[in-house]
């Protein structure tokens, strides 16, 4: 049986306040092989958006920067583990 993982990241940006950054997040999510953007909610009053992503464990690892392909990527930044594809 195939495994399915749900990931629900939220960001301090909204479609209403910063459409270019918001669209960049949507485009990034859509670019990850095996990742399906199930839902996106945006709240301009609170400057937040929440994504619901579904996919294989490997795809979700790629989305949150936890994949083997990115295992040495954190050495390129400050070492805080923030090597997500969603880093803006």
N, C-alpha and C. Protein backbone atom coordinates (compact mmCIF):
# COMPACT_ATOMS: atom_id res chain seq x y z
N UNK A 1 0.84 -1.17 0.00
CA UNK A 1 0.00 0.00 0.00
C UNK A 1 0.90 1.25 0.00
N UNK A 2 0.57 2.20 -0.86
CA UNK A 2 1.33 3.44 -0.94
C UNK A 2 1.04 4.32 0.28
N UNK A 3 2.06 5.01 0.73
CA UNK A 3 1.89 5.92 1.87
C UNK A 3 1.56 7.31 1.36
N UNK A 4 0.72 8.00 2.10
CA UNK A 4 0.32 9.36 1.79
C UNK A 4 0.56 10.21 3.02
N UNK A 5 1.20 11.35 2.81
CA UNK A 5 1.53 12.26 3.90
C UNK A 5 0.83 13.59 3.65
N UNK A 6 0.30 14.17 4.72
CA UNK A 6 -0.30 15.49 4.66
C UNK A 6 0.64 16.46 5.37
N UNK A 7 0.86 17.59 4.74
CA UNK A 7 1.70 18.64 5.32
C UNK A 7 0.88 19.93 5.26
N UNK A 8 0.83 20.66 6.39
CA UNK A 8 0.00 21.87 6.47
C UNK A 8 0.87 23.05 6.94
N UNK A 9 1.73 23.55 6.03
CA UNK A 9 2.54 24.71 6.42
C UNK A 9 1.73 25.99 6.38
N UNK A 10 2.11 26.94 7.21
CA UNK A 10 1.49 28.26 7.16
C UNK A 10 2.59 29.30 7.06
N UNK A 11 2.28 30.41 6.43
CA UNK A 11 3.26 31.44 6.12
C UNK A 11 2.73 32.81 6.51
N UNK A 12 3.63 33.70 6.84
CA UNK A 12 3.27 35.07 7.19
C UNK A 12 3.24 35.92 5.92
N UNK A 13 2.32 35.59 5.06
CA UNK A 13 2.10 36.32 3.82
C UNK A 13 0.67 36.02 3.39
N UNK A 14 0.09 36.91 2.62
CA UNK A 14 -1.27 36.65 2.13
C UNK A 14 -1.38 37.08 0.68
N UNK A 15 -2.32 36.48 -0.01
CA UNK A 15 -2.60 36.82 -1.40
C UNK A 15 -3.00 38.30 -1.49
N UNK A 16 -3.73 38.74 -0.49
CA UNK A 16 -4.25 40.11 -0.51
C UNK A 16 -3.17 41.16 -0.28
N UNK A 17 -2.17 40.87 0.55
CA UNK A 17 -1.15 41.88 0.90
C UNK A 17 0.11 41.79 0.06
N UNK A 18 0.47 40.60 -0.42
CA UNK A 18 1.67 40.44 -1.22
C UNK A 18 1.46 39.34 -2.27
N UNK A 19 0.73 39.68 -3.34
CA UNK A 19 0.37 38.66 -4.32
C UNK A 19 1.57 37.98 -4.98
N UNK A 20 2.68 38.70 -5.19
CA UNK A 20 3.84 38.10 -5.86
C UNK A 20 4.49 37.02 -4.99
N UNK A 21 4.67 37.29 -3.71
CA UNK A 21 5.26 36.30 -2.81
C UNK A 21 4.31 35.13 -2.63
N UNK A 22 3.03 35.43 -2.48
CA UNK A 22 2.03 34.37 -2.34
C UNK A 22 2.08 33.45 -3.56
N UNK A 23 2.08 34.02 -4.76
CA UNK A 23 2.11 33.21 -5.98
C UNK A 23 3.41 32.42 -6.07
N UNK A 24 4.51 32.99 -5.59
CA UNK A 24 5.78 32.25 -5.56
C UNK A 24 5.69 31.01 -4.69
N UNK A 25 5.00 31.10 -3.56
CA UNK A 25 4.81 29.93 -2.70
C UNK A 25 3.95 28.87 -3.41
N UNK A 26 2.88 29.31 -4.06
CA UNK A 26 2.02 28.38 -4.80
C UNK A 26 2.82 27.69 -5.91
N UNK A 27 3.60 28.47 -6.65
CA UNK A 27 4.40 27.91 -7.74
C UNK A 27 5.43 26.92 -7.22
N UNK A 28 6.05 27.23 -6.09
CA UNK A 28 7.03 26.32 -5.49
C UNK A 28 6.37 25.01 -5.11
N UNK A 29 5.22 25.09 -4.45
CA UNK A 29 4.51 23.88 -4.06
C UNK A 29 4.14 23.04 -5.28
N UNK A 30 3.69 23.70 -6.33
CA UNK A 30 3.30 22.98 -7.54
C UNK A 30 4.49 22.39 -8.29
N UNK A 31 5.69 22.86 -8.02
CA UNK A 31 6.87 22.39 -8.74
C UNK A 31 7.48 21.12 -8.14
N UNK A 32 7.01 20.70 -6.99
CA UNK A 32 7.59 19.53 -6.31
C UNK A 32 6.95 18.26 -6.86
N UNK A 33 7.75 17.41 -7.51
CA UNK A 33 7.19 16.17 -8.05
C UNK A 33 6.57 15.32 -6.94
N UNK A 34 5.38 14.84 -7.18
CA UNK A 34 4.70 13.98 -6.22
C UNK A 34 3.96 14.73 -5.13
N UNK A 35 3.97 16.05 -5.20
CA UNK A 35 3.28 16.90 -4.22
C UNK A 35 2.02 17.46 -4.86
N UNK A 36 0.89 17.30 -4.21
CA UNK A 36 -0.38 17.81 -4.69
C UNK A 36 -0.86 18.91 -3.76
N UNK A 37 -1.11 20.09 -4.31
CA UNK A 37 -1.64 21.20 -3.52
C UNK A 37 -3.15 20.99 -3.43
N UNK A 38 -3.58 20.50 -2.28
CA UNK A 38 -4.98 20.16 -2.06
C UNK A 38 -5.82 21.40 -1.78
N UNK A 39 -5.27 22.35 -1.01
CA UNK A 39 -6.03 23.54 -0.64
C UNK A 39 -5.07 24.65 -0.25
N UNK A 40 -5.48 25.89 -0.49
CA UNK A 40 -4.74 27.07 -0.06
C UNK A 40 -5.75 28.07 0.48
N UNK A 41 -5.54 28.51 1.70
CA UNK A 41 -6.39 29.53 2.31
C UNK A 41 -5.52 30.76 2.58
N UNK A 42 -6.05 31.93 2.28
CA UNK A 42 -5.32 33.16 2.51
C UNK A 42 -6.19 34.12 3.31
N UNK A 43 -5.58 34.78 4.29
CA UNK A 43 -6.29 35.72 5.15
C UNK A 43 -5.53 37.04 5.18
N UNK A 44 -5.99 38.00 4.40
CA UNK A 44 -5.34 39.31 4.32
C UNK A 44 -5.41 40.09 5.62
N UNK A 45 -6.45 39.89 6.41
CA UNK A 45 -6.58 40.62 7.68
C UNK A 45 -5.49 40.23 8.66
N UNK A 46 -5.05 38.97 8.60
CA UNK A 46 -4.02 38.50 9.53
C UNK A 46 -2.69 38.23 8.82
N UNK A 47 -2.62 38.54 7.53
CA UNK A 47 -1.42 38.35 6.71
C UNK A 47 -0.87 36.93 6.86
N UNK A 48 -1.73 35.94 6.66
CA UNK A 48 -1.36 34.53 6.79
C UNK A 48 -1.94 33.75 5.62
N UNK A 49 -1.24 32.68 5.25
CA UNK A 49 -1.82 31.71 4.34
C UNK A 49 -1.44 30.32 4.82
N UNK A 50 -2.32 29.38 4.55
CA UNK A 50 -2.14 28.00 4.98
C UNK A 50 -2.34 27.11 3.77
N UNK A 51 -1.38 26.24 3.54
CA UNK A 51 -1.44 25.28 2.45
C UNK A 51 -1.78 23.92 3.02
N UNK A 52 -2.51 23.12 2.28
CA UNK A 52 -2.67 21.70 2.58
C UNK A 52 -2.05 20.96 1.41
N UNK A 53 -0.94 20.28 1.69
CA UNK A 53 -0.21 19.54 0.67
C UNK A 53 -0.35 18.05 0.94
N UNK A 54 -0.50 17.27 -0.10
CA UNK A 54 -0.58 15.82 0.00
C UNK A 54 0.46 15.22 -0.94
N UNK A 55 1.06 14.12 -0.52
CA UNK A 55 2.01 13.47 -1.41
C UNK A 55 2.72 12.33 -0.73
N UNK A 56 3.66 11.78 -1.44
CA UNK A 56 4.47 10.69 -0.92
C UNK A 56 5.39 11.22 0.18
N UNK A 57 5.90 10.34 1.03
CA UNK A 57 6.84 10.79 2.05
C UNK A 57 8.05 11.50 1.43
N UNK A 58 8.51 11.02 0.28
CA UNK A 58 9.65 11.65 -0.38
C UNK A 58 9.32 13.06 -0.85
N UNK A 59 8.13 13.24 -1.42
CA UNK A 59 7.71 14.57 -1.88
C UNK A 59 7.57 15.53 -0.71
N UNK A 60 6.99 15.07 0.38
CA UNK A 60 6.83 15.95 1.53
C UNK A 60 8.18 16.25 2.17
N UNK A 61 9.11 15.30 2.11
CA UNK A 61 10.47 15.57 2.58
C UNK A 61 11.13 16.65 1.74
N UNK A 62 10.89 16.61 0.44
CA UNK A 62 11.41 17.65 -0.45
C UNK A 62 10.78 19.00 -0.12
N UNK A 63 9.49 19.00 0.18
CA UNK A 63 8.79 20.25 0.50
C UNK A 63 9.32 20.88 1.77
N UNK A 64 9.63 20.05 2.78
CA UNK A 64 10.09 20.64 4.04
C UNK A 64 11.59 20.62 4.21
N UNK A 65 12.31 20.25 3.15
CA UNK A 65 13.77 20.32 3.20
C UNK A 65 14.40 19.15 3.91
N UNK A 66 13.68 18.06 4.10
CA UNK A 66 14.16 16.93 4.87
C UNK A 66 14.61 15.77 4.00
N UNK A 67 14.67 15.97 2.69
CA UNK A 67 15.01 14.86 1.80
C UNK A 67 16.51 14.62 1.77
N UNK A 68 16.91 13.44 1.35
CA UNK A 68 18.32 13.12 1.21
C UNK A 68 19.00 14.05 0.22
N UNK A 69 18.27 14.46 -0.81
CA UNK A 69 18.85 15.36 -1.80
C UNK A 69 19.26 16.68 -1.19
N UNK A 70 18.60 17.08 -0.13
CA UNK A 70 18.90 18.36 0.52
C UNK A 70 19.73 18.19 1.79
N UNK A 71 20.23 17.01 2.06
CA UNK A 71 20.84 16.74 3.35
C UNK A 71 22.05 17.63 3.64
N UNK A 72 22.76 18.08 2.61
CA UNK A 72 23.90 18.95 2.86
C UNK A 72 23.59 20.40 2.56
N UNK A 73 22.38 20.69 2.15
CA UNK A 73 22.00 22.06 1.78
C UNK A 73 22.08 23.00 2.97
N UNK A 74 21.75 22.52 4.17
CA UNK A 74 21.74 23.40 5.34
C UNK A 74 23.13 23.97 5.62
N UNK A 75 24.17 23.29 5.19
CA UNK A 75 25.50 23.81 5.42
C UNK A 75 25.73 25.10 4.63
N UNK A 76 24.86 25.36 3.65
CA UNK A 76 24.97 26.58 2.86
C UNK A 76 24.32 27.77 3.55
N UNK A 77 23.51 27.53 4.59
CA UNK A 77 22.91 28.66 5.28
C UNK A 77 23.39 28.66 6.73
N UNK A 78 22.61 29.10 7.64
CA UNK A 78 23.11 29.34 9.00
C UNK A 78 23.05 28.13 9.93
N UNK A 79 22.75 26.95 9.40
CA UNK A 79 22.75 25.76 10.22
C UNK A 79 21.52 25.58 11.09
N UNK A 80 20.48 26.38 10.87
CA UNK A 80 19.30 26.31 11.72
C UNK A 80 18.29 25.28 11.22
N UNK A 81 18.64 24.53 10.18
CA UNK A 81 17.73 23.52 9.68
C UNK A 81 16.70 24.06 8.72
N UNK A 82 16.76 25.34 8.42
CA UNK A 82 15.77 25.97 7.54
C UNK A 82 16.24 25.85 6.09
N UNK A 83 16.17 24.63 5.56
CA UNK A 83 16.57 24.43 4.17
C UNK A 83 15.38 24.03 3.31
N UNK A 84 14.23 24.47 3.69
CA UNK A 84 12.99 24.17 3.00
C UNK A 84 12.99 24.79 1.62
N UNK A 85 12.29 24.16 0.68
CA UNK A 85 12.09 24.77 -0.63
C UNK A 85 11.23 26.01 -0.50
N UNK A 86 10.52 26.16 0.60
CA UNK A 86 9.63 27.30 0.79
C UNK A 86 10.32 28.49 1.44
N UNK A 87 11.62 28.44 1.66
CA UNK A 87 12.32 29.58 2.24
C UNK A 87 12.20 30.77 1.30
N UNK A 88 11.71 31.88 1.81
CA UNK A 88 11.50 33.08 1.00
C UNK A 88 12.51 34.12 1.40
